[in-house]
Amino acid sequence: MSFRGKRKDGEGLASDENEDHAPPNKVSKTFSAVDSDDSDDVVVCEISKNRRVSVRNWNGKIWVDIREFYVKDGKQLPGKKGISLSLDQWNVLRDHAEAIDKALAENS
């Protein structure tokens, strides 16, 4: 019959394994989006106090970023609310600017 569970103290261990050996220290990995800036941001304009339009190069791709920012410890940091448009998406939006303006005029 097989035994399942914990070993009894010292049973089945070699004598040198029973001595006080500290386990290796665990190193916690910390990752912060602010610390790992792979991006080059160019702020194009500030739409309002906490909203910005910027162009960024992130992971080798260019994005148009429209985002809300918040202040923490004296630094302005990007928030969750926003959108990043690829160049293709930006071109579609830009090409439809007149239609958007017309719709705004009709609904105002």
PDB file of N, CA and C in Angstrom:
ATOM      1  N   MET A   1       0.835  -1.162   0.000  1.00  0.00           N
ATOM      2  CA  MET A   1       0.000   0.000   0.000  1.00  0.00           C
ATOM      3  C   MET A   1       0.891   1.240   0.000  1.00  0.00           C
ATOM      4  N   SER A   2       0.571   2.227  -0.809  1.00  0.00           N
ATOM      5  CA  SER A   2       1.411   3.415  -0.897  1.00  0.00           C
ATOM      6  C   SER A   2       0.961   4.469   0.105  1.00  0.00           C
ATOM      7  N   PHE A   3       1.939   5.240   0.560  1.00  0.00           N
ATOM      8  CA  PHE A   3       1.659   6.286   1.521  1.00  0.00           C
ATOM      9  C   PHE A   3       1.593   7.624   0.800  1.00  0.00           C
ATOM     10  N   ARG A   4       0.485   8.332   0.965  1.00  0.00           N
ATOM     11  CA  ARG A   4       0.344   9.657   0.356  1.00  0.00           C
ATOM     12  C   ARG A   4       0.244  10.684   1.474  1.00  0.00           C
ATOM     13  N   GLY A   5       0.939  11.768   1.296  1.00  0.00           N
ATOM     14  CA  GLY A   5       0.869  12.827   2.293  1.00  0.00           C
ATOM     15  C   GLY A   5       2.253  13.314   2.653  1.00  0.00           C
ATOM     16  N   LYS A   6       2.352  13.986   3.772  1.00  0.00           N
ATOM     17  CA  LYS A   6       3.622  14.564   4.203  1.00  0.00           C
ATOM     18  C   LYS A   6       4.480  13.497   4.857  1.00  0.00           C
ATOM     19  N   ARG A   7       5.783  13.699   4.724  1.00  0.00           N
ATOM     20  CA  ARG A   7       6.719  12.809   5.403  1.00  0.00           C
ATOM     21  C   ARG A   7       6.775  13.160   6.875  1.00  0.00           C
ATOM     22  N   LYS A   8       7.083  12.174   7.658  1.00  0.00           N
ATOM     23  CA  LYS A   8       7.284  12.438   9.075  1.00  0.00           C
ATOM     24  C   LYS A   8       8.648  13.074   9.231  1.00  0.00           C
ATOM     25  N   ASP A   9       8.859  13.824  10.314  1.00  0.00           N
ATOM     26  CA  ASP A   9      10.107  14.550  10.530  1.00  0.00           C
ATOM     27  C   ASP A   9      11.317  13.646  10.388  1.00  0.00           C
ATOM     28  N   GLY A  10      12.181  14.002   9.429  1.00  0.00           N
ATOM     29  CA  GLY A  10      13.444  13.307   9.267  1.00  0.00           C
ATOM     30  C   GLY A  10      13.366  11.990   8.551  1.00  0.00           C
ATOM     31  N   GLU A  11      12.207  11.479   8.316  1.00  0.00           N
ATOM     32  CA  GLU A  11      12.064  10.181   7.676  1.00  0.00           C
ATOM     33  C   GLU A  11      12.346  10.282   6.190  1.00  0.00           C
ATOM     34  N   GLY A  12      13.261   9.495   5.700  1.00  0.00           N
ATOM     35  CA  GLY A  12      13.558   9.445   4.281  1.00  0.00           C
ATOM     36  C   GLY A  12      14.457  10.561   3.797  1.00  0.00           C
ATOM     37  N   LEU A  13      15.068  11.324   4.711  1.00  0.00           N
ATOM     38  CA  LEU A  13      15.949  12.408   4.302  1.00  0.00           C
ATOM     39  C   LEU A  13      17.379  12.050   4.628  1.00  0.00           C
ATOM     40  N   ALA A  14      18.276  12.460   3.765  1.00  0.00           N
ATOM     41  CA  ALA A  14      19.700  12.278   4.040  1.00  0.00           C
ATOM     42  C   ALA A  14      20.091  13.239   5.152  1.00  0.00           C
ATOM     43  N   SER A  15      21.172  12.956   5.846  1.00  0.00           N
ATOM     44  CA  SER A  15      21.541  13.745   7.013  1.00  0.00           C
ATOM     45  C   SER A  15      21.888  15.194   6.651  1.00  0.00           C
ATOM     46  N   ASP A  16      22.523  15.419   5.488  1.00  0.00           N
ATOM     47  CA  ASP A  16      22.893  16.792   5.147  1.00  0.00           C
ATOM     48  C   ASP A  16      21.672  17.603   4.671  1.00  0.00           C
ATOM     49  N   GLU A  17      20.596  16.951   4.269  1.00  0.00           N
ATOM     50  CA  GLU A  17      19.387  17.664   3.856  1.00  0.00           C
ATOM     51  C   GLU A  17      18.608  18.165   5.065  1.00  0.00           C
ATOM     52  N   ASN A  18      18.843  17.563   6.228  1.00  0.00           N
ATOM     53  CA  ASN A  18      18.097  17.909   7.423  1.00  0.00           C
ATOM     54  C   ASN A  18      18.643  19.155   8.103  1.00  0.00           C
ATOM     55  N   GLU A  19      19.844  19.616   7.710  1.00  0.00           N
ATOM     56  CA  GLU A  19      20.450  20.788   8.331  1.00  0.00           C
ATOM     57  C   GLU A  19      19.714  22.047   7.890  1.00  0.00           C
ATOM     58  N   ASP A  20      19.981  23.131   8.575  1.00  0.00           N
ATOM     59  CA  ASP A  20      19.308  24.399   8.267  1.00  0.00           C
ATOM     60  C   ASP A  20      19.846  24.993   6.961  1.00  0.00           C
ATOM     61  N   HIS A  21      19.119  24.795   5.899  1.00  0.00           N
ATOM     62  CA  HIS A  21      19.433  25.411   4.614  1.00  0.00           C
ATOM     63  C   HIS A  21      18.271  26.325   4.271  1.00  0.00           C
ATOM     64  N   ALA A  22      18.591  27.591   4.105  1.00  0.00           N
ATOM     65  CA  ALA A  22      17.533  28.546   3.770  1.00  0.00           C
ATOM     66  C   ALA A  22      17.165  28.385   2.303  1.00  0.00           C
ATOM     67  N   PRO A  23      15.888  28.450   1.990  1.00  0.00           N
ATOM     68  CA  PRO A  23      15.486  28.378   0.588  1.00  0.00           C
ATOM     69  C   PRO A  23      15.975  29.633  -0.142  1.00  0.00           C
ATOM     70  N   PRO A  24      16.138  29.545  -1.441  1.00  0.00           N
ATOM     71  CA  PRO A  24      16.609  30.718  -2.176  1.00  0.00           C
ATOM     72  C   PRO A  24      15.596  31.850  -2.065  1.00  0.00           C
ATOM     73  N   ASN A  25      16.129  33.061  -2.002  1.00  0.00           N
ATOM     74  CA  ASN A  25      15.246  34.220  -1.897  1.00  0.00           C
ATOM     75  C   ASN A  25      14.424  34.374  -3.167  1.00  0.00           C
ATOM     76  N   LYS A  26      13.164  34.700  -2.995  1.00  0.00           N
ATOM     77  CA  LYS A  26      12.297  34.937  -4.141  1.00  0.00           C
ATOM     78  C   LYS A  26      12.427  36.396  -4.544  1.00  0.00           C
ATOM     79  N   VAL A  27      12.573  36.620  -5.821  1.00  0.00           N
ATOM     80  CA  VAL A  27      12.671  37.974  -6.331  1.00  0.00           C
ATOM     81  C   VAL A  27      11.362  38.301  -7.017  1.00  0.00           C
ATOM     82  N   SER A  28      10.693  39.315  -6.516  1.00  0.00           N
ATOM     83  CA  SER A  28       9.426  39.684  -7.136  1.00  0.00           C
ATOM     84  C   SER A  28       9.702  40.556  -8.346  1.00  0.00           C
ATOM     85  N   LYS A  29       8.971  40.269  -9.400  1.00  0.00           N
ATOM     86  CA  LYS A  29       9.114  41.044 -10.617  1.00  0.00           C
ATOM     87  C   LYS A  29       8.091  42.161 -10.584  1.00  0.00           C
ATOM     88  N   THR A  30       8.571  43.373 -10.721  1.00  0.00           N
ATOM     89  CA  THR A  30       7.650  44.501 -10.770  1.00  0.00           C
ATOM     90  C   THR A  30       7.694  45.091 -12.159  1.00  0.00           C
ATOM     91  N   PHE A  31       6.537  45.433 -12.677  1.00  0.00           N
ATOM     92  CA  PHE A  31       6.434  46.017 -13.997  1.00  0.00           C
ATOM     93  C   PHE A  31       5.582  47.253 -13.906  1.00  0.00           C
ATOM     94  N   SER A  32       6.092  48.320 -14.409  1.00  0.00           N
ATOM     95  CA  SER A  32       5.328  49.561 -14.435  1.00  0.00           C
ATOM     96  C   SER A  32       5.342  50.113 -15.838  1.00  0.00           C
ATOM     97  N   ALA A  33       4.171  50.426 -16.343  1.00  0.00           N
ATOM     98  CA  ALA A  33       4.071  50.972 -17.697  1.00  0.00           C
ATOM     99  C   ALA A  33       4.787  52.306 -17.800  1.00  0.00           C
ATOM    100  N   VAL A  34       4.847  53.020 -16.695  1.00  0.00           N
ATOM    101  CA  VAL A  34       5.507  54.318 -16.729  1.00  0.00           C
ATOM    102  C   VAL A  34       7.018  54.138 -16.801  1.00  0.00           C
ATOM    103  N   ASP A  35       7.553  53.139 -16.083  1.00  0.00           N
ATOM    104  CA  ASP A  35       8.989  52.926 -16.061  1.00  0.00           C
ATOM    105  C   ASP A  35       9.509  52.342 -17.361  1.00  0.00           C
ATOM    106  N   SER A  36       8.709  51.548 -18.042  1.00  0.00           N
ATOM    107  CA  SER A  36       9.180  50.884 -19.248  1.00  0.00           C
ATOM    108  C   SER A  36       8.679  51.621 -20.482  1.00  0.00           C
ATOM    109  N   ASP A  37       9.209  52.791 -20.700  1.00  0.00           N
ATOM    110  CA  ASP A  37       8.759  53.594 -21.828  1.00  0.00           C
ATOM    111  C   ASP A  37       9.469  53.155 -23.095  1.00  0.00           C
ATOM    112  N   ASP A  38       8.788  52.306 -23.888  1.00  0.00           N
ATOM    113  CA  ASP A  38       9.280  51.953 -25.203  1.00  0.00           C
ATOM    114  C   ASP A  38       8.758  52.976 -26.205  1.00  0.00           C
ATOM    115  N   SER A  39       8.024  53.958 -25.711  1.00  0.00           N
ATOM    116  CA  SER A  39       7.297  54.835 -26.611  1.00  0.00           C
ATOM    117  C   SER A  39       7.940  56.207 -26.694  1.00  0.00           C
ATOM    118  N   ASP A  40       7.740  56.841 -27.847  1.00  0.00           N
ATOM    119  CA  ASP A  40       8.135  58.221 -28.056  1.00  0.00           C
ATOM    120  C   ASP A  40       6.849  59.002 -28.263  1.00  0.00           C
ATOM    121  N   ASP A  41       6.479  59.844 -27.294  1.00  0.00           N
ATOM    122  CA  ASP A  41       5.238  60.603 -27.390  1.00  0.00           C
ATOM    123  C   ASP A  41       5.512  62.003 -27.903  1.00  0.00           C
ATOM    124  N   VAL A  42       4.679  62.449 -28.821  1.00  0.00           N
ATOM    125  CA  VAL A  42       4.669  63.824 -29.269  1.00  0.00           C
ATOM    126  C   VAL A  42       3.263  64.343 -29.004  1.00  0.00           C
ATOM    127  N   VAL A  43       3.128  65.248 -28.041  1.00  0.00           N
ATOM    128  CA  VAL A  43       1.820  65.801 -27.717  1.00  0.00           C
ATOM    129  C   VAL A  43       1.473  66.818 -28.797  1.00  0.00           C
ATOM    130  N   VAL A  44       0.391  66.539 -29.507  1.00  0.00           N
ATOM    131  CA  VAL A  44      -0.035  67.405 -30.593  1.00  0.00           C
ATOM    132  C   VAL A  44      -0.853  68.566 -30.054  1.00  0.00           C
ATOM    133  N   CYS A  45      -1.828  68.260 -29.196  1.00  0.00           N
ATOM    134  CA  CYS A  45      -2.627  69.321 -28.593  1.00  0.00           C
ATOM    135  C   CYS A  45      -3.299  68.816 -27.325  1.00  0.00           C
ATOM    136  N   GLU A  46      -3.706  69.793 -26.505  1.00  0.00           N
ATOM    137  CA  GLU A  46      -4.506  69.479 -25.328  1.00  0.00           C
ATOM    138  C   GLU A  46      -5.929  69.888 -25.644  1.00  0.00           C
ATOM    139  N   ILE A  47      -6.828  68.909 -25.634  1.00  0.00           N
ATOM    140  CA  ILE A  47      -8.230  69.168 -25.947  1.00  0.00           C
ATOM    141  C   ILE A  47      -8.892  69.905 -24.786  1.00  0.00           C
ATOM    142  N   SER A  48      -8.580  69.499 -23.587  1.00  0.00           N
ATOM    143  CA  SER A  48      -9.085  70.143 -22.372  1.00  0.00           C
ATOM    144  C   SER A  48      -8.027  69.965 -21.290  1.00  0.00           C
ATOM    145  N   LYS A  49      -8.399  70.285 -20.066  1.00  0.00           N
ATOM    146  CA  LYS A  49      -7.439  70.224 -18.965  1.00  0.00           C
ATOM    147  C   LYS A  49      -6.798  68.840 -18.822  1.00  0.00           C
ATOM    148  N   ASN A  50      -7.594  67.798 -18.948  1.00  0.00           N
ATOM    149  CA  ASN A  50      -7.093  66.440 -18.712  1.00  0.00           C
ATOM    150  C   ASN A  50      -7.125  65.555 -19.954  1.00  0.00           C
ATOM    151  N   ARG A  51      -7.341  66.127 -21.132  1.00  0.00           N
ATOM    152  CA  ARG A  51      -7.400  65.317 -22.352  1.00  0.00           C
ATOM    153  C   ARG A  51      -6.365  65.794 -23.351  1.00  0.00           C
ATOM    154  N   ARG A  52      -5.668  64.823 -23.949  1.00  0.00           N
ATOM    155  CA  ARG A  52      -4.610  65.141 -24.901  1.00  0.00           C
ATOM    156  C   ARG A  52      -4.712  64.284 -26.152  1.00  0.00           C
ATOM    157  N   VAL A  53      -4.216  64.855 -27.239  1.00  0.00           N
ATOM    158  CA  VAL A  53      -4.015  64.101 -28.471  1.00  0.00           C
ATOM    159  C   VAL A  53      -2.507  64.011 -28.650  1.00  0.00           C
ATOM    160  N   SER A  54      -2.010  62.809 -28.817  1.00  0.00           N
ATOM    161  CA  SER A  54      -0.575  62.635 -29.020  1.00  0.00           C
ATOM    162  C   SER A  54      -0.335  61.591 -30.094  1.00  0.00           C
ATOM    163  N   VAL A  55       0.830  61.671 -30.684  1.00  0.00           N
ATOM    164  CA  VAL A  55       1.276  60.672 -31.654  1.00  0.00           C
ATOM    165  C   VAL A  55       2.424  59.937 -30.984  1.00  0.00           C
ATOM    166  N   ARG A  56       2.331  58.633 -31.006  1.00  0.00           N
ATOM    167  CA  ARG A  56       3.350  57.842 -30.324  1.00  0.00           C
ATOM    168  C   ARG A  56       3.843  56.710 -31.206  1.00  0.00           C
ATOM    169  N   ASN A  57       5.081  56.347 -30.980  1.00  0.00           N
ATOM    170  CA  ASN A  57       5.677  55.181 -31.621  1.00  0.00           C
ATOM    171  C   ASN A  57       5.809  54.145 -30.522  1.00  0.00           C
ATOM    172  N   TRP A  58       4.987  53.101 -30.595  1.00  0.00           N
ATOM    173  CA  TRP A  58       4.975  52.080 -29.545  1.00  0.00           C
ATOM    174  C   TRP A  58       5.099  50.715 -30.187  1.00  0.00           C
ATOM    175  N   ASN A  59       6.073  49.950 -29.753  1.00  0.00           N
ATOM    176  CA  ASN A  59       6.365  48.616 -30.294  1.00  0.00           C
ATOM    177  C   ASN A  59       6.545  48.657 -31.808  1.00  0.00           C
ATOM    178  N   GLY A  60       7.181  49.712 -32.288  1.00  0.00           N
ATOM    179  CA  GLY A  60       7.489  49.810 -33.711  1.00  0.00           C
ATOM    180  C   GLY A  60       6.333  50.247 -34.588  1.00  0.00           C
ATOM    181  N   LYS A  61       5.205  50.609 -33.989  1.00  0.00           N
ATOM    182  CA  LYS A  61       4.047  51.064 -34.755  1.00  0.00           C
ATOM    183  C   LYS A  61       3.682  52.467 -34.309  1.00  0.00           C
ATOM    184  N   ILE A  62       3.127  53.252 -35.236  1.00  0.00           N
ATOM    185  CA  ILE A  62       2.735  54.617 -34.930  1.00  0.00           C
ATOM    186  C   ILE A  62       1.243  54.645 -34.614  1.00  0.00           C
ATOM    187  N   TRP A  63       0.893  55.344 -33.521  1.00  0.00           N
ATOM    188  CA  TRP A  63      -0.486  55.430 -33.049  1.00  0.00           C
ATOM    189  C   TRP A  63      -0.867  56.880 -32.810  1.00  0.00           C
ATOM    190  N   VAL A  64      -2.115  57.213 -33.063  1.00  0.00           N
ATOM    191  CA  VAL A  64      -2.687  58.490 -32.665  1.00  0.00           C
ATOM    192  C   VAL A  64      -3.493  58.197 -31.410  1.00  0.00           C
ATOM    193  N   ASP A  65      -3.095  58.824 -30.322  1.00  0.00           N
ATOM    194  CA  ASP A  65      -3.664  58.513 -29.014  1.00  0.00           C
ATOM    195  C   ASP A  65      -4.483  59.690 -28.514  1.00  0.00           C
ATOM    196  N   ILE A  66      -5.759  59.464 -28.250  1.00  0.00           N
ATOM    197  CA  ILE A  66      -6.652  60.470 -27.670  1.00  0.00           C
ATOM    198  C   ILE A  66      -7.027  59.930 -26.299  1.00  0.00           C
ATOM    199  N   ARG A  67      -6.562  60.606 -25.241  1.00  0.00           N
ATOM    200  CA  ARG A  67      -6.644  59.991 -23.916  1.00  0.00           C
ATOM    201  C   ARG A  67      -6.845  61.020 -22.816  1.00  0.00           C
ATOM    202  N   GLU A  68      -7.507  60.580 -21.730  1.00  0.00           N
ATOM    203  CA  GLU A  68      -7.605  61.367 -20.506  1.00  0.00           C
ATOM    204  C   GLU A  68      -6.386  61.075 -19.636  1.00  0.00           C
ATOM    205  N   PHE A  69      -5.943  62.095 -18.919  1.00  0.00           N
ATOM    206  CA  PHE A  69      -4.818  61.959 -18.006  1.00  0.00           C
ATOM    207  C   PHE A  69      -5.266  62.306 -16.591  1.00  0.00           C
ATOM    208  N   TYR A  70      -4.528  61.802 -15.609  1.00  0.00           N
ATOM    209  CA  TYR A  70      -4.790  62.134 -14.211  1.00  0.00           C
ATOM    210  C   TYR A  70      -3.460  62.451 -13.545  1.00  0.00           C
ATOM    211  N   VAL A  71      -3.529  63.146 -12.416  1.00  0.00           N
ATOM    212  CA  VAL A  71      -2.324  63.553 -11.702  1.00  0.00           C
ATOM    213  C   VAL A  71      -2.146  62.658 -10.480  1.00  0.00           C
ATOM    214  N   LYS A  72      -0.946  62.083 -10.356  1.00  0.00           N
ATOM    215  CA  LYS A  72      -0.610  61.262  -9.193  1.00  0.00           C
ATOM    216  C   LYS A  72       0.817  61.594  -8.797  1.00  0.00           C
ATOM    217  N   ASP A  73       1.020  61.963  -7.565  1.00  0.00           N
ATOM    218  CA  ASP A  73       2.337  62.337  -7.043  1.00  0.00           C
ATOM    219  C   ASP A  73       2.993  63.416  -7.897  1.00  0.00           C
ATOM    220  N   GLY A  74       2.200  64.359  -8.362  1.00  0.00           N
ATOM    221  CA  GLY A  74       2.737  65.468  -9.137  1.00  0.00           C
ATOM    222  C   GLY A  74       3.026  65.157 -10.595  1.00  0.00           C
ATOM    223  N   LYS A  75       2.739  63.928 -11.029  1.00  0.00           N
ATOM    224  CA  LYS A  75       2.985  63.537 -12.416  1.00  0.00           C
ATOM    225  C   LYS A  75       1.660  63.330 -13.133  1.00  0.00           C
ATOM    226  N   GLN A  76       1.611  63.726 -14.400  1.00  0.00           N
ATOM    227  CA  GLN A  76       0.435  63.434 -15.205  1.00  0.00           C
ATOM    228  C   GLN A  76       0.635  62.069 -15.847  1.00  0.00           C
ATOM    229  N   LEU A  77      -0.314  61.178 -15.594  1.00  0.00           N
ATOM    230  CA  LEU A  77      -0.236  59.807 -16.090  1.00  0.00           C
ATOM    231  C   LEU A  77      -1.441  59.500 -16.966  1.00  0.00           C
ATOM    232  N   PRO A  78      -1.271  58.657 -17.992  1.00  0.00           N
ATOM    233  CA  PRO A  78      -2.398  58.311 -18.856  1.00  0.00           C
ATOM    234  C   PRO A  78      -3.396  57.425 -18.124  1.00  0.00           C
ATOM    235  N   GLY A  79      -4.675  57.710 -18.357  1.00  0.00           N
ATOM    236  CA  GLY A  79      -5.736  56.924 -17.742  1.00  0.00           C
ATOM    237  C   GLY A  79      -6.235  55.839 -18.672  1.00  0.00           C
ATOM    238  N   LYS A  80      -7.241  55.104 -18.219  1.00  0.00           N
ATOM    239  CA  LYS A  80      -7.827  54.027 -19.015  1.00  0.00           C
ATOM    240  C   LYS A  80      -8.726  54.563 -20.115  1.00  0.00           C
ATOM    241  N   LYS A  81      -9.332  55.728 -19.856  1.00  0.00           N
ATOM    242  CA  LYS A  81     -10.285  56.274 -20.818  1.00  0.00           C
ATOM    243  C   LYS A  81      -9.539  56.902 -21.989  1.00  0.00           C
ATOM    244  N   GLY A  82      -9.743  56.347 -23.151  1.00  0.00           N
ATOM    245  CA  GLY A  82      -9.113  56.890 -24.337  1.00  0.00           C
ATOM    246  C   GLY A  82      -9.099  55.866 -25.446  1.00  0.00           C
ATOM    247  N   ILE A  83      -8.537  56.285 -26.569  1.00  0.00           N
ATOM    248  CA  ILE A  83      -8.462  55.401 -27.720  1.00  0.00           C
ATOM    249  C   ILE A  83      -7.132  55.624 -28.424  1.00  0.00           C
ATOM    250  N   SER A  84      -6.569  54.549 -28.916  1.00  0.00           N
ATOM    251  CA  SER A  84      -5.363  54.605 -29.728  1.00  0.00           C
ATOM    252  C   SER A  84      -5.728  54.130 -31.124  1.00  0.00           C
ATOM    253  N   LEU A  85      -5.534  55.001 -32.097  1.00  0.00           N
ATOM    254  CA  LEU A  85      -5.881  54.684 -33.478  1.00  0.00           C
ATOM    255  C   LEU A  85      -4.623  54.361 -34.266  1.00  0.00           C
ATOM    256  N   SER A  86      -4.676  53.278 -35.032  1.00  0.00           N
ATOM    257  CA  SER A  86      -3.570  52.972 -35.934  1.00  0.00           C
ATOM    258  C   SER A  86      -3.598  53.996 -37.062  1.00  0.00           C
ATOM    259  N   LEU A  87      -2.563  54.026 -37.878  1.00  0.00           N
ATOM    260  CA  LEU A  87      -2.528  54.974 -38.992  1.00  0.00           C
ATOM    261  C   LEU A  87      -3.690  54.754 -39.955  1.00  0.00           C
ATOM    262  N   ASP A  88      -4.030  53.500 -40.204  1.00  0.00           N
ATOM    263  CA  ASP A  88      -5.164  53.204 -41.095  1.00  0.00           C
ATOM    264  C   ASP A  88      -6.468  53.749 -40.515  1.00  0.00           C
ATOM    265  N   GLN A  89      -6.680  53.527 -39.227  1.00  0.00           N
ATOM    266  CA  GLN A  89      -7.889  54.017 -38.580  1.00  0.00           C
ATOM    267  C   GLN A  89      -7.919  55.544 -38.561  1.00  0.00           C
ATOM    268  N   TRP A  90      -6.770  56.161 -38.307  1.00  0.00           N
ATOM    269  CA  TRP A  90      -6.687  57.617 -38.308  1.00  0.00           C
ATOM    270  C   TRP A  90      -7.029  58.180 -39.696  1.00  0.00           C
ATOM    271  N   ASN A  91      -6.523  57.554 -40.750  1.00  0.00           N
ATOM    272  CA  ASN A  91      -6.800  58.022 -42.106  1.00  0.00           C
ATOM    273  C   ASN A  91      -8.283  57.918 -42.448  1.00  0.00           C
ATOM    274  N   VAL A  92      -8.949  56.861 -41.987  1.00  0.00           N
ATOM    275  CA  VAL A  92     -10.388  56.722 -42.221  1.00  0.00           C
ATOM    276  C   VAL A  92     -11.140  57.840 -41.504  1.00  0.00           C
ATOM    277  N   LEU A  93     -10.780  58.102 -40.261  1.00  0.00           N
ATOM    278  CA  LEU A  93     -11.427  59.161 -39.499  1.00  0.00           C
ATOM    279  C   LEU A  93     -11.194  60.523 -40.151  1.00  0.00           C
ATOM    280  N   ARG A  94      -9.961  60.784 -40.537  1.00  0.00           N
ATOM    281  CA  ARG A  94      -9.616  62.055 -41.166  1.00  0.00           C
ATOM    282  C   ARG A  94     -10.369  62.242 -42.480  1.00  0.00           C
ATOM    283  N   ASP A  95     -10.500  61.173 -43.274  1.00  0.00           N
ATOM    284  CA  ASP A  95     -11.206  61.253 -44.550  1.00  0.00           C
ATOM    285  C   ASP A  95     -12.696  61.524 -44.378  1.00  0.00           C
ATOM    286  N   HIS A  96     -13.227  61.209 -43.214  1.00  0.00           N
ATOM    287  CA  HIS A  96     -14.653  61.421 -42.956  1.00  0.00           C
ATOM    288  C   HIS A  96     -14.918  62.672 -42.115  1.00  0.00           C
ATOM    289  N   ALA A  97     -13.939  63.533 -41.970  1.00  0.00           N
ATOM    290  CA  ALA A  97     -14.085  64.735 -41.140  1.00  0.00           C
ATOM    291  C   ALA A  97     -15.204  65.637 -41.658  1.00  0.00           C
ATOM    292  N   GLU A  98     -15.312  65.800 -42.980  1.00  0.00           N
ATOM    293  CA  GLU A  98     -16.375  66.651 -43.544  1.00  0.00           C
ATOM    294  C   GLU A  98     -17.754  66.090 -43.233  1.00  0.00           C
ATOM    295  N   ALA A  99     -17.927  64.777 -43.368  1.00  0.00           N
ATOM    296  CA  ALA A  99     -19.214  64.145 -43.065  1.00  0.00           C
ATOM    297  C   ALA A  99     -19.555  64.297 -41.585  1.00  0.00           C
ATOM    298  N   ILE A 100     -18.558  64.216 -40.731  1.00  0.00           N
ATOM    299  CA  ILE A 100     -18.778  64.398 -39.293  1.00  0.00           C
ATOM    300  C   ILE A 100     -19.192  65.837 -39.016  1.00  0.00           C
ATOM    301  N   ASP A 101     -18.495  66.811 -39.634  1.00  0.00           N
ATOM    302  CA  ASP A 101     -18.856  68.224 -39.467  1.00  0.00           C
ATOM    303  C   ASP A 101     -20.278  68.491 -39.953  1.00  0.00           C
ATOM    304  N   LYS A 102     -20.635  67.889 -41.073  1.00  0.00           N
ATOM    305  CA  LYS A 102     -21.996  68.076 -41.634  1.00  0.00           C
ATOM    306  C   LYS A 102     -23.049  67.506 -40.672  1.00  0.00           C
ATOM    307  N   ALA A 103     -22.797  66.329 -40.138  1.00  0.00           N
ATOM    308  CA  ALA A 103     -23.729  65.716 -39.181  1.00  0.00           C
ATOM    309  C   ALA A 103     -23.847  66.541 -37.919  1.00  0.00           C
ATOM    310  N   LEU A 104     -22.732  67.120 -37.473  1.00  0.00           N
ATOM    311  CA  LEU A 104     -22.776  67.984 -36.291  1.00  0.00           C
ATOM    312  C   LEU A 104     -23.603  69.240 -36.559  1.00  0.00           C
ATOM    313  N   ALA A 105     -23.435  69.803 -37.730  1.00  0.00           N
ATOM    314  CA  ALA A 105     -24.185  71.020 -38.086  1.00  0.00           C
ATOM    315  C   ALA A 105     -25.679  70.731 -38.163  1.00  0.00           C
ATOM    316  N   GLU A 106     -26.027  69.574 -38.678  1.00  0.00           N
ATOM    317  CA  GLU A 106     -27.448  69.207 -38.812  1.00  0.00           C
ATOM    318  C   GLU A 106     -28.095  68.950 -37.455  1.00  0.00           C
ATOM    319  N   ASN A 107     -27.324  68.460 -36.519  1.00  0.00           N
ATOM    320  CA  ASN A 107     -27.866  68.113 -35.198  1.00  0.00           C
ATOM    321  C   ASN A 107     -27.710  69.210 -34.164  1.00  0.00           C
ATOM    322  N   SER A 108     -27.156  70.340 -34.535  1.00  0.00           N
ATOM    323  CA  SER A 108     -26.978  71.419 -33.554  1.00  0.00           C
ATOM    324  C   SER A 108     -28.102  72.407 -33.624  1.00  0.00           C
TER     325      SER A 108
END
